[in-house]
Amino acid sequence: EDKKAAEKEFKSAQNLQRAGKPNDALMAVLRAQELMPGNVEFMTMGEMLRQQIVGEHMEAGNHLAAAGDPKGAAQRFRMALAIDPQNANAAQRLHDVEPPDGDAEHKHVLSMCS
């Protein structure tokens, strides 16, 4: 019975992904993984969706940073890190747009840019 439910969730995840809803697809594939732990196909799709979502947050964050919205950019980089805490690129980009308060050089560079 768990297998049928898991396959239904997985099919739903595939449909959601095709419909351009990667967050919803990830939730469905995670439910499938709970029902059938260790299923390589489910785990692979889950990881692909995670990376897709992280990539979307990174791209949006980079656009916001380039448009002069460091707060918006930082929010998107934090969202990427919430999904992939080991993502060094997201951590670096977050630091780039929101350094520690004592970073005088960065504040100087930002003031020159505005």
Protein backbone atom coordinates (compact mmCIF):
# COMPACT_ATOMS: atom_id res chain seq x y z
CA GLU A 1 0.00 0.00 0.00
CA ASP A 2 2.85 2.41 0.83
CA LYS A 3 4.37 1.55 -2.55
CA LYS A 4 1.20 2.58 -4.40
CA ALA A 5 0.92 5.81 -2.41
CA ALA A 6 4.61 6.55 -3.01
CA GLU A 7 4.26 5.97 -6.75
CA LYS A 8 1.23 8.27 -6.80
CA GLU A 9 3.22 11.01 -5.02
CA PHE A 10 6.13 10.50 -7.42
CA LYS A 11 3.84 10.79 -10.44
CA SER A 12 2.37 13.94 -8.91
CA ALA A 13 5.92 15.29 -8.42
CA GLN A 14 6.71 14.66 -12.09
CA ASN A 15 3.53 16.46 -13.19
CA LEU A 16 4.23 19.41 -10.88
CA GLN A 17 7.78 19.67 -12.18
CA ARG A 18 6.52 19.72 -15.76
CA ALA A 19 3.99 22.41 -14.76
CA GLY A 20 6.87 24.61 -13.56
CA LYS A 21 6.18 24.13 -9.85
CA PRO A 22 9.48 22.79 -8.48
CA ASN A 23 8.71 23.62 -4.82
CA ASP A 24 5.44 21.67 -4.91
CA ALA A 25 7.17 18.87 -6.83
CA LEU A 26 9.87 18.66 -4.16
CA MET A 27 7.23 18.35 -1.42
CA ALA A 28 5.53 15.52 -3.34
CA VAL A 29 8.79 13.64 -3.95
CA LEU A 30 9.73 14.03 -0.27
CA ARG A 31 6.39 12.46 0.69
CA ALA A 32 7.17 9.61 -1.74
CA GLN A 33 10.58 9.17 -0.07
CA GLU A 34 8.95 8.95 3.36
CA LEU A 35 6.70 6.17 2.08
CA MET A 36 9.54 4.31 0.33
CA PRO A 37 12.86 5.29 1.94
CA GLY A 38 15.96 4.45 -0.07
CA ASN A 39 14.26 4.57 -3.49
CA VAL A 40 17.06 5.82 -5.75
CA GLU A 41 14.70 7.28 -8.36
CA PHE A 42 12.89 9.35 -5.71
CA MET A 43 16.16 10.47 -4.12
CA THR A 44 17.60 11.47 -7.51
CA MET A 45 14.56 13.52 -8.44
CA GLY A 46 14.54 15.15 -5.00
CA GLU A 47 18.16 16.21 -5.38
CA MET A 48 17.58 17.50 -8.92
CA LEU A 49 14.63 19.58 -7.70
CA ARG A 50 16.65 20.94 -4.77
CA GLN A 51 19.41 22.06 -7.12
CA GLN A 52 16.87 23.58 -9.53
CA ILE A 53 15.27 25.58 -6.71
CA VAL A 54 18.66 26.67 -5.34
CA GLY A 55 19.66 27.74 -8.86
CA GLU A 56 16.49 29.81 -9.21
CA HIS A 57 17.15 31.54 -5.87
CA MET A 58 20.77 32.20 -6.85
CA GLU A 59 19.79 33.66 -10.21
CA ALA A 60 17.11 35.87 -8.64
CA GLY A 61 19.54 36.97 -5.92
CA ASN A 62 22.19 37.88 -8.48
CA HIS A 63 19.64 39.91 -10.48
CA LEU A 64 18.48 41.73 -7.34
CA ALA A 65 22.08 42.46 -6.32
CA ALA A 66 22.86 43.82 -9.78
CA ALA A 67 19.69 45.96 -9.62
CA GLY A 68 20.85 47.54 -6.35
CA ASP A 69 18.61 45.59 -3.96
CA PRO A 70 21.03 43.96 -1.50
CA LYS A 71 18.28 43.16 1.03
CA GLY A 72 16.22 41.32 -1.57
CA ALA A 73 19.34 39.58 -2.86
CA ALA A 74 20.34 38.52 0.67
CA GLN A 75 16.87 37.05 1.21
CA ARG A 76 17.17 34.91 -1.94
CA PHE A 77 20.71 33.75 -1.03
CA ARG A 78 19.43 32.81 2.46
CA MET A 79 16.61 30.80 0.84
CA ALA A 80 19.20 28.97 -1.28
CA LEU A 81 21.25 28.23 1.86
CA ALA A 82 18.16 26.96 3.69
CA ILE A 83 17.79 24.32 1.00
CA ASP A 84 21.52 23.66 0.51
CA PRO A 85 23.44 24.74 3.65
CA GLN A 86 26.77 23.56 2.18
CA ASN A 87 26.47 25.78 -0.91
CA ALA A 88 29.69 27.82 -0.79
CA ASN A 89 28.59 30.05 -3.69
CA ALA A 90 25.38 31.05 -1.90
CA ALA A 91 27.31 31.73 1.32
CA GLN A 92 29.83 33.89 -0.56
CA ARG A 93 27.13 35.84 -2.42
CA LEU A 94 25.28 36.42 0.88
CA HIS A 95 28.52 37.78 2.36
CA ASP A 96 29.02 39.94 -0.76
CA VAL A 97 25.67 41.68 -0.35
CA GLU A 98 25.44 41.60 3.46
CA PRO A 99 28.86 41.58 5.12
CA PRO A 100 29.39 41.73 8.90
CA ASP A 101 28.69 45.22 10.30
CA GLY A 102 32.37 45.95 10.85
CA ASP A 103 33.28 45.60 7.17
CA ALA A 104 34.25 49.22 6.50
CA GLU A 105 35.81 48.47 3.10
CA HIS A 106 32.57 46.94 1.82
CA LYS A 107 30.52 49.91 3.11
CA HIS A 108 32.95 52.25 1.33
CA VAL A 109 32.57 50.32 -1.93
CA LEU A 110 28.77 50.35 -1.60
CA SER A 111 28.74 54.09 -0.91
CA MET A 112 30.84 54.65 -4.03
CA CYS A 113 28.37 52.59 -6.07
CA SER A 114 25.33 54.60 -5.02
